[in-house]
C-alpha atoms as a PDB file:
ATOM      1  CA  UNK A   1      78.505 265.137 123.290  1.00  0.00           C
ATOM      2  CA  UNK A   2      77.914 265.479 119.573  1.00  0.00           C
ATOM      3  CA  UNK A   3      76.738 268.584 117.799  1.00  0.00           C
ATOM      4  CA  UNK A   4      74.501 268.363 114.762  1.00  0.00           C
ATOM      5  CA  UNK A   5      73.349 271.188 112.548  1.00  0.00           C
ATOM      6  CA  UNK A   6      69.689 271.344 111.570  1.00  0.00           C
ATOM      7  CA  UNK A   7      68.853 273.615 108.659  1.00  0.00           C
ATOM      8  CA  UNK A   8      65.794 275.834 108.798  1.00  0.00           C
ATOM      9  CA  UNK A   9      64.352 278.051 106.103  1.00  0.00           C
ATOM     10  CA  UNK A  10      65.879 281.182 107.714  1.00  0.00           C
ATOM     11  CA  UNK A  11      69.310 279.895 108.661  1.00  0.00           C
ATOM     12  CA  UNK A  12      70.937 277.185 110.726  1.00  0.00           C
ATOM     13  CA  UNK A  13      70.227 275.993 114.252  1.00  0.00           C
ATOM     14  CA  UNK A  14      72.669 274.011 116.346  1.00  0.00           C
ATOM     15  CA  UNK A  15      71.147 270.844 117.809  1.00  0.00           C
ATOM     16  CA  UNK A  16      73.041 269.339 120.753  1.00  0.00           C
ATOM     17  CA  UNK A  17      73.076 265.529 120.874  1.00  0.00           C
ATOM     18  CA  UNK A  18      74.331 263.693 123.950  1.00  0.00           C
ATOM     19  CA  UNK A  19      74.545 260.004 124.804  1.00  0.00           C
ATOM     20  CA  UNK A  20      74.481 260.851 128.512  1.00  0.00           C
ATOM     21  CA  UNK A  21      71.393 261.897 130.489  1.00  0.00           C
ATOM     22  CA  UNK A  22      72.372 265.587 130.431  1.00  0.00           C
ATOM     23  CA  UNK A  23      74.647 268.087 128.760  1.00  0.00           C
ATOM     24  CA  UNK A  24      78.327 268.395 129.624  1.00  0.00           C
ATOM     25  CA  UNK A  25      77.922 271.974 130.862  1.00  0.00           C
ATOM     26  CA  UNK A  26      75.241 270.954 133.404  1.00  0.00           C
ATOM     27  CA  UNK A  27      72.719 273.611 132.348  1.00  0.00           C
ATOM     28  CA  UNK A  28      69.123 272.982 133.489  1.00  0.00           C
ATOM     29  CA  UNK A  29      66.804 271.325 130.967  1.00  0.00           C
ATOM     30  CA  UNK A  30      63.044 271.027 130.509  1.00  0.00           C
ATOM     31  CA  UNK A  31      61.892 267.666 129.146  1.00  0.00           C
ATOM     32  CA  UNK A  32      59.657 267.613 126.070  1.00  0.00           C
ATOM     33  CA  UNK A  33      59.415 263.844 125.688  1.00  0.00           C
ATOM     34  CA  UNK A  34      60.989 260.701 124.240  1.00  0.00           C
ATOM     35  CA  UNK A  35      61.362 260.616 120.476  1.00  0.00           C
ATOM     36  CA  UNK A  36      62.287 257.893 118.019  1.00  0.00           C
ATOM     37  CA  UNK A  37      63.595 257.726 114.439  1.00  0.00           C
ATOM     38  CA  UNK A  38      64.554 254.778 112.239  1.00  0.00           C
ATOM     39  CA  UNK A  39      66.642 254.266 109.110  1.00  0.00           C
ATOM     40  CA  UNK A  40      65.514 252.410 106.006  1.00  0.00           C
ATOM     41  CA  UNK A  41      65.461 248.620 105.959  1.00  0.00           C
ATOM     42  CA  UNK A  42      68.560 247.018 104.430  1.00  0.00           C
ATOM     43  CA  UNK A  43      69.889 243.510 103.960  1.00  0.00           C
ATOM     44  CA  UNK A  44      71.278 242.158 107.232  1.00  0.00           C
ATOM     45  CA  UNK A  45      75.050 241.984 107.242  1.00  0.00           C
ATOM     46  CA  UNK A  46      75.506 244.751 104.658  1.00  0.00           C
ATOM     47  CA  UNK A  47      78.351 247.112 105.485  1.00  0.00           C
ATOM     48  CA  UNK A  48      77.278 250.573 106.515  1.00  0.00           C
ATOM     49  CA  UNK A  49      76.433 250.310 110.219  1.00  0.00           C
ATOM     50  CA  UNK A  50      78.144 253.640 110.963  1.00  0.00           C
ATOM     51  CA  UNK A  51      76.283 255.333 108.100  1.00  0.00           C
ATOM     52  CA  UNK A  52      73.003 253.908 109.441  1.00  0.00           C
ATOM     53  CA  UNK A  53      73.707 255.267 112.940  1.00  0.00           C
ATOM     54  CA  UNK A  54      74.576 258.668 111.472  1.00  0.00           C
ATOM     55  CA  UNK A  55      71.354 258.675 109.411  1.00  0.00           C
ATOM     56  CA  UNK A  56      69.331 257.707 112.516  1.00  0.00           C
ATOM     57  CA  UNK A  57      70.867 260.608 114.490  1.00  0.00           C
ATOM     58  CA  UNK A  58      70.077 263.031 111.655  1.00  0.00           C
ATOM     59  CA  UNK A  59      66.451 261.819 111.546  1.00  0.00           C
ATOM     60  CA  UNK A  60      66.252 262.076 115.345  1.00  0.00           C
ATOM     61  CA  UNK A  61      67.475 265.684 115.328  1.00  0.00           C
ATOM     62  CA  UNK A  62      64.910 266.591 112.640  1.00  0.00           C
ATOM     63  CA  UNK A  63      62.188 265.052 114.803  1.00  0.00           C
ATOM     64  CA  UNK A  64      63.419 266.983 117.855  1.00  0.00           C
ATOM     65  CA  UNK A  65      63.450 270.211 115.864  1.00  0.00           C
ATOM     66  CA  UNK A  66      59.757 269.708 114.993  1.00  0.00           C
ATOM     67  CA  UNK A  67      58.992 269.731 118.735  1.00  0.00           C
ATOM     68  CA  UNK A  68      61.030 272.891 119.316  1.00  0.00           C
ATOM     69  CA  UNK A  69      63.814 271.094 121.177  1.00  0.00           C
ATOM     70  CA  UNK A  70      67.251 272.610 121.770  1.00  0.00           C
ATOM     71  CA  UNK A  71      68.908 269.239 122.394  1.00  0.00           C
ATOM     72  CA  UNK A  72      68.449 265.465 122.471  1.00  0.00           C
ATOM     73  CA  UNK A  73      69.939 263.626 125.460  1.00  0.00           C
ATOM     74  CA  UNK A  74      70.109 259.984 126.551  1.00  0.00           C
ATOM     75  CA  UNK A  75      70.438 258.818 122.928  1.00  0.00           C
ATOM     76  CA  UNK A  76      70.372 255.040 122.421  1.00  0.00           C
ATOM     77  CA  UNK A  77      70.538 252.781 119.354  1.00  0.00           C
ATOM     78  CA  UNK A  78      68.613 249.587 118.640  1.00  0.00           C
ATOM     79  CA  UNK A  79      68.857 247.226 115.674  1.00  0.00           C
ATOM     80  CA  UNK A  80      65.520 245.803 114.527  1.00  0.00           C
ATOM     81  CA  UNK A  81      65.473 242.745 112.305  1.00  0.00           C
ATOM     82  CA  UNK A  82      63.100 240.638 110.239  1.00  0.00           C
ATOM     83  CA  UNK A  83      64.119 237.043 109.568  1.00  0.00           C
ATOM     84  CA  UNK A  84      63.136 234.173 107.279  1.00  0.00           C
ATOM     85  CA  UNK A  85      59.641 233.081 108.425  1.00  0.00           C
ATOM     86  CA  UNK A  86      58.381 236.684 108.559  1.00  0.00           C
ATOM     87  CA  UNK A  87      59.588 237.645 105.092  1.00  0.00           C
ATOM     88  CA  UNK A  88      60.571 235.353 102.192  1.00  0.00           C
ATOM     89  CA  UNK A  89      64.101 235.928 101.000  1.00  0.00           C
ATOM     90  CA  UNK A  90      66.682 238.263 102.481  1.00  0.00           C
ATOM     91  CA  UNK A  91      66.948 238.931 106.223  1.00  0.00           C
ATOM     92  CA  UNK A  92      66.441 242.651 106.878  1.00  0.00           C
ATOM     93  CA  UNK A  93      67.569 245.063 109.580  1.00  0.00           C
ATOM     94  CA  UNK A  94      67.367 248.766 110.412  1.00  0.00           C
ATOM     95  CA  UNK A  95      68.837 251.058 113.063  1.00  0.00           C
ATOM     96  CA  UNK A  96      66.511 252.952 115.385  1.00  0.00           C
ATOM     97  CA  UNK A  97      67.665 255.871 117.545  1.00  0.00           C
ATOM     98  CA  UNK A  98      65.716 257.004 120.605  1.00  0.00           C
ATOM     99  CA  UNK A  99      66.358 259.970 122.859  1.00  0.00           C
ATOM    100  CA  UNK A 100      64.842 262.548 125.159  1.00  0.00           C
ATOM    101  CA  UNK A 101      64.033 265.868 123.458  1.00  0.00           C
ATOM    102  CA  UNK A 102      64.683 268.806 125.807  1.00  0.00           C
ATOM    103  CA  UNK A 103      64.628 272.587 125.883  1.00  0.00           C
ATOM    104  CA  UNK A 104      67.159 274.710 127.718  1.00  0.00           C
ATOM    105  CA  UNK A 105      65.621 276.198 130.866  1.00  0.00           C
ATOM    106  CA  UNK A 106      64.965 279.899 130.347  1.00  0.00           C
ATOM    107  CA  UNK A 107      65.736 282.534 132.965  1.00  0.00           C
ATOM    108  CA  UNK A 108      62.623 284.028 134.557  1.00  0.00           C
END
């Protein structure tokens, strides 16, 4: 599990990010929906893959925060590319992160 901090105008909120389908502590979750965020396009083969994944996670947590999520689970990465015939010149790629935005189940 990874923890990211999302800043708000009145302080900081902790956003839980997990690559598994749930949280490590097993607490019940309520699904909000699948969300997606992508990094900027860059030349294919440029160094910086880890920085791109980090930027995609940060964008994903901002998106989740807009929906009122407490966490994002089942996070996955994809690399999208555009090659020669589609665009003249340099081959391009970007990293896209997808995940399931969830809220912690509240006690009744």
